[in-house]
Amino acid sequence: MNDLLKYILQIVVACLVTLGIHMLVLFLMDKPLFDNQIITAYIGNVIIALLMVIALLNVPETLKNSRGFLFLIGSFLKFGFFFLAFYSNFKADGVIQRTEFFAFFIPYSVALVMETKCLIDRLSK
């Protein structure tokens, strides 16, 4: 299996497992499962993570030393995604609730860790 497919599968599986655990915790806490744009957060973070891993693995030879900057661009894209898709809805009542915060932060964190793992694996070769 080539590296790109391996990394894509790792990101998708890690985020799906995390989503399942996240939903289980919400269920056990008797909170609404599909509130706070949770599915949008997971899908958006997975898509951005996949795009960044694809970009990092397909960097032209002349830009190999710029992978760190590309990685940072991915973080800025996720930050922009949060402000465009979530911030105004979360802040509508004047306060960002814990469930709202974690609905975005958990998939963001998992995707970031998986991106970092892929980049570390790639740089160590």
Protein backbone atom coordinates (compact mmCIF):
# COMPACT_ATOMS: atom_id res chain seq x y z
CA MET A 1 0.00 0.00 0.00
CA ASN A 2 1.43 3.37 -0.92
CA ASP A 3 2.07 6.04 1.70
CA LEU A 4 -0.72 8.37 0.60
CA LEU A 5 -3.42 5.70 0.91
CA LYS A 6 -1.99 4.58 4.26
CA TYR A 7 -2.10 8.12 5.66
CA ILE A 8 -5.60 8.78 4.30
CA LEU A 9 -6.88 5.60 5.94
CA GLN A 10 -5.18 6.45 9.22
CA ILE A 11 -6.76 9.91 9.33
CA VAL A 12 -10.23 8.69 8.38
CA VAL A 13 -10.19 5.75 10.80
CA ALA A 14 -8.82 7.85 13.68
CA CYS A 15 -11.51 10.48 13.15
CA LEU A 16 -14.30 7.90 12.80
CA VAL A 17 -13.24 6.17 16.02
CA THR A 18 -13.03 9.53 17.76
CA LEU A 19 -16.48 10.49 16.46
CA GLY A 20 -17.88 7.23 17.85
CA ILE A 21 -16.31 7.86 21.25
CA HIS A 22 -17.46 11.49 21.18
CA MET A 23 -21.03 10.41 20.42
CA LEU A 24 -20.90 7.79 23.18
CA VAL A 25 -19.77 10.38 25.71
CA LEU A 26 -22.53 12.77 24.61
CA PHE A 27 -25.07 9.96 24.89
CA LEU A 28 -23.86 8.99 28.37
CA MET A 29 -24.04 12.65 29.44
CA ASP A 30 -27.59 12.84 28.05
CA LYS A 31 -26.63 15.62 25.62
CA PRO A 32 -27.96 15.99 22.06
CA LEU A 33 -25.80 13.89 19.74
CA PHE A 34 -25.98 15.92 16.56
CA ASP A 35 -26.04 19.40 18.07
CA ASN A 36 -23.40 22.12 17.60
CA GLN A 37 -22.56 21.19 14.00
CA ILE A 38 -20.56 18.18 15.18
CA ILE A 39 -20.78 16.31 11.86
CA THR A 40 -19.72 19.44 9.95
CA ALA A 41 -16.75 19.80 12.31
CA TYR A 42 -15.58 16.22 11.78
CA ILE A 43 -16.09 16.26 8.01
CA GLY A 44 -14.46 19.67 7.59
CA ASN A 45 -11.44 18.80 9.71
CA VAL A 46 -10.97 15.46 7.95
CA ILE A 47 -11.17 17.09 4.52
CA ILE A 48 -8.66 19.80 5.43
CA ALA A 49 -6.34 17.22 7.01
CA LEU A 50 -6.54 15.03 3.90
CA LEU A 51 -5.86 17.97 1.61
CA MET A 52 -2.85 18.97 3.68
CA VAL A 53 -1.42 15.43 3.77
CA ILE A 54 -1.90 15.13 0.01
CA ALA A 55 -0.17 18.49 -0.45
CA LEU A 56 2.67 17.56 1.92
CA LEU A 57 3.29 14.24 0.18
CA ASN A 58 3.21 15.75 -3.29
CA VAL A 59 5.46 18.74 -2.68
CA PRO A 60 7.68 19.45 -5.69
CA GLU A 61 11.36 18.75 -5.20
CA THR A 62 12.15 22.47 -5.18
CA LEU A 63 9.86 23.04 -2.16
CA LYS A 64 10.85 20.01 -0.02
CA ASN A 65 12.35 22.30 2.63
CA SER A 66 9.07 24.23 2.91
CA ARG A 67 6.94 21.41 4.31
CA GLY A 68 6.77 23.09 7.70
CA PHE A 69 5.28 26.20 6.14
CA LEU A 70 2.73 24.10 4.27
CA PHE A 71 1.85 22.45 7.56
CA LEU A 72 1.27 25.88 9.11
CA ILE A 73 -0.93 26.86 6.17
CA GLY A 74 -3.11 23.86 7.02
CA SER A 75 -3.46 25.12 10.58
CA PHE A 76 -4.50 28.53 9.29
CA LEU A 77 -7.05 26.89 6.99
CA LYS A 78 -8.58 25.07 9.96
CA PHE A 79 -8.58 28.28 11.97
CA GLY A 80 -10.39 30.04 9.11
CA PHE A 81 -12.80 27.11 8.81
CA PHE A 82 -13.67 27.53 12.49
CA PHE A 83 -14.36 31.24 12.18
CA LEU A 84 -16.32 30.95 8.95
CA ALA A 85 -18.46 27.95 9.84
CA PHE A 86 -18.74 27.88 13.63
CA TYR A 87 -17.77 30.99 15.55
CA SER A 88 -20.82 33.11 14.76
CA ASN A 89 -23.21 30.24 15.59
CA PHE A 90 -21.37 29.36 18.79
CA LYS A 91 -21.20 32.97 19.90
CA ALA A 92 -24.84 33.77 19.01
CA ASP A 93 -25.98 33.43 22.62
CA GLY A 94 -22.98 35.38 23.89
CA VAL A 95 -21.20 32.37 25.38
CA ILE A 96 -19.40 29.40 23.84
CA GLN A 97 -20.60 26.33 25.75
CA ARG A 98 -18.29 23.38 26.51
CA THR A 99 -20.19 21.10 24.15
CA GLU A 100 -19.85 23.69 21.38
CA PHE A 101 -16.13 24.08 22.03
CA PHE A 102 -15.47 20.34 22.10
CA ALA A 103 -17.62 19.74 19.01
CA PHE A 104 -14.92 21.55 17.02
CA PHE A 105 -11.81 21.12 19.17
CA ILE A 106 -11.87 17.31 19.41
CA PRO A 107 -11.92 16.63 15.63
CA TYR A 108 -9.46 19.50 15.12
CA SER A 109 -7.05 17.94 17.63
CA VAL A 110 -7.32 14.41 16.25
CA ALA A 111 -6.83 15.59 12.67
CA LEU A 112 -3.86 17.73 13.73
CA VAL A 113 -2.21 14.83 15.56
CA MET A 114 -2.69 12.57 12.54
CA GLU A 115 -1.31 15.23 10.17
CA THR A 116 1.69 15.65 12.45
CA LYS A 117 2.25 11.89 12.54
CA CYS A 118 2.16 11.73 8.75
CA LEU A 119 4.59 14.62 8.43
CA ILE A 120 6.98 13.10 10.97
CA ASP A 121 6.83 9.74 9.19
CA ARG A 122 7.52 11.45 5.87
CA LEU A 123 10.40 13.58 7.16
CA SER A 124 12.07 10.63 8.86
CA LYS A 125 12.42 8.79 5.53
